[in-house]
Amino acid sequence: MKDFKTGLIILWGLFFYDCFWVFKTDVMVAVAKSLNSPIKLMFPLGPELAKFSILGLGDMIIPGCYVAQCIKYDVDNFLAKNKSMSMSGFKASYYNYAMIGYSLSI
């Protein structure tokens, strides 16, 4: 459980770090607009294609890694409680909540 909490704290720290650099300064937006490489997804905000919403791969990959750690945590806890190594009756509760939150945030 200690590693799970550590990951959650790091994820929240990165969230606030990202919020600061994106919304309080122009640094991240300027860098993202100047790079013409496949590290960002651009979604048009209107039919005239003048303004775009930018989603960086870091905004998808880092939380996605945390979701993957949630499924590992669920499996490890289940196997620690069931010594039979059978996955029948397995419920991925942390993973399901993390996936719902990840889907809603994207």
Protein backbone atom coordinates (compact mmCIF):
# COMPACT_ATOMS: atom_id res chain seq x y z
CA MET A 1 0.00 0.00 0.00
CA LYS A 2 2.98 2.28 0.61
CA ASP A 3 3.99 2.29 -3.07
CA PHE A 4 0.40 2.92 -4.13
CA LYS A 5 0.21 6.05 -1.98
CA THR A 6 3.60 7.21 -3.23
CA GLY A 7 2.43 6.89 -6.83
CA LEU A 8 -0.74 8.81 -6.05
CA ILE A 9 1.22 11.62 -4.40
CA ILE A 10 3.57 11.82 -7.39
CA LEU A 11 0.61 11.88 -9.79
CA TRP A 12 -1.06 14.74 -7.89
CA GLY A 13 2.26 16.60 -7.78
CA LEU A 14 2.63 16.27 -11.54
CA PHE A 15 -0.96 17.46 -11.97
CA PHE A 16 -0.29 20.69 -10.07
CA TYR A 17 3.07 21.12 -11.81
CA ASP A 18 1.35 20.80 -15.18
CA CYS A 19 -1.45 23.18 -14.16
CA PHE A 20 1.08 25.82 -13.12
CA TRP A 21 3.20 25.61 -16.28
CA VAL A 22 0.22 25.46 -18.64
CA PHE A 23 -2.22 27.95 -17.10
CA LYS A 24 0.01 30.37 -15.15
CA THR A 25 2.83 30.74 -17.70
CA ASP A 26 3.11 30.62 -21.47
CA VAL A 27 6.15 28.32 -21.46
CA MET A 28 4.45 24.95 -22.08
CA VAL A 29 2.01 26.29 -24.66
CA ALA A 30 4.78 28.11 -26.54
CA VAL A 31 6.97 25.01 -26.61
CA ALA A 32 4.08 22.76 -27.66
CA LYS A 33 3.07 25.10 -30.48
CA SER A 34 6.64 25.49 -31.76
CA LEU A 35 7.36 21.74 -31.93
CA ASN A 36 6.12 19.99 -35.03
CA SER A 37 6.56 16.40 -33.92
CA PRO A 38 4.28 13.54 -32.85
CA ILE A 39 4.35 14.40 -29.13
CA LYS A 40 1.00 16.13 -29.08
CA LEU A 41 -2.55 15.64 -30.25
CA MET A 42 -4.34 18.66 -31.64
CA PHE A 43 -8.13 18.89 -31.66
CA PRO A 44 -9.88 21.73 -33.52
CA LEU A 45 -12.08 23.91 -31.34
CA GLY A 46 -14.35 24.97 -34.18
CA PRO A 47 -15.19 24.31 -37.81
CA GLU A 48 -12.87 27.09 -39.05
CA LEU A 49 -9.76 25.24 -37.75
CA ALA A 50 -8.24 28.47 -36.41
CA LYS A 51 -7.81 27.39 -32.78
CA PHE A 52 -6.78 24.00 -31.45
CA SER A 53 -6.85 22.26 -28.12
CA ILE A 54 -3.52 20.52 -27.43
CA LEU A 55 -3.14 17.30 -25.50
CA GLY A 56 0.44 16.21 -24.86
CA LEU A 57 1.47 12.59 -24.77
CA GLY A 58 2.70 13.11 -21.22
CA ASP A 59 -0.88 13.94 -20.27
CA MET A 60 -1.87 10.47 -21.44
CA ILE A 61 1.19 8.32 -20.74
CA ILE A 62 1.98 9.22 -17.11
CA PRO A 63 -1.60 8.71 -15.84
CA GLY A 64 -1.81 5.60 -18.04
CA CYS A 65 1.23 4.15 -16.27
CA TYR A 66 -0.50 4.78 -12.95
CA VAL A 67 -3.61 2.96 -14.20
CA ALA A 68 -1.36 0.03 -15.16
CA GLN A 69 0.11 0.06 -11.65
CA CYS A 70 -3.43 -0.06 -10.23
CA ILE A 71 -4.20 -3.33 -12.06
CA LYS A 72 -0.89 -4.76 -10.84
CA TYR A 73 -1.76 -3.71 -7.30
CA ASP A 74 -5.17 -5.40 -7.57
CA VAL A 75 -3.64 -8.62 -8.92
CA ASP A 76 -0.90 -8.67 -6.27
CA ASN A 77 -3.43 -8.17 -3.46
CA PHE A 78 -5.70 -10.87 -4.85
CA LEU A 79 -2.87 -13.39 -5.20
CA ALA A 80 -1.61 -12.58 -1.69
CA LYS A 81 -5.06 -13.41 -0.27
CA ASN A 82 -5.65 -16.47 -2.52
CA LYS A 83 -2.75 -18.87 -2.45
CA SER A 84 -4.34 -21.12 -5.11
CA MET A 85 -3.06 -18.94 -8.02
CA SER A 86 -6.52 -19.12 -9.57
CA MET A 87 -7.97 -15.83 -10.82
CA SER A 88 -11.60 -16.84 -10.32
CA GLY A 89 -13.45 -14.24 -8.29
CA PHE A 90 -10.93 -11.51 -9.13
CA LYS A 91 -12.25 -7.95 -8.93
CA ALA A 92 -10.07 -5.07 -10.07
CA SER A 93 -11.51 -2.33 -7.88
CA TYR A 94 -8.56 0.11 -7.89
CA TYR A 95 -8.11 -0.39 -11.61
CA ASN A 96 -11.79 0.23 -12.36
CA TYR A 97 -11.85 3.47 -10.37
CA ALA A 98 -8.56 4.61 -11.88
CA MET A 99 -9.77 3.83 -15.40
CA ILE A 100 -13.02 5.75 -14.84
CA GLY A 101 -11.08 8.75 -13.56
CA TYR A 102 -8.55 8.51 -16.40
CA SER A 103 -11.31 8.31 -19.03
CA LEU A 104 -13.20 11.27 -17.58
CA SER A 105 -10.05 13.39 -17.32
CA ILE A 106 -8.96 12.81 -20.91
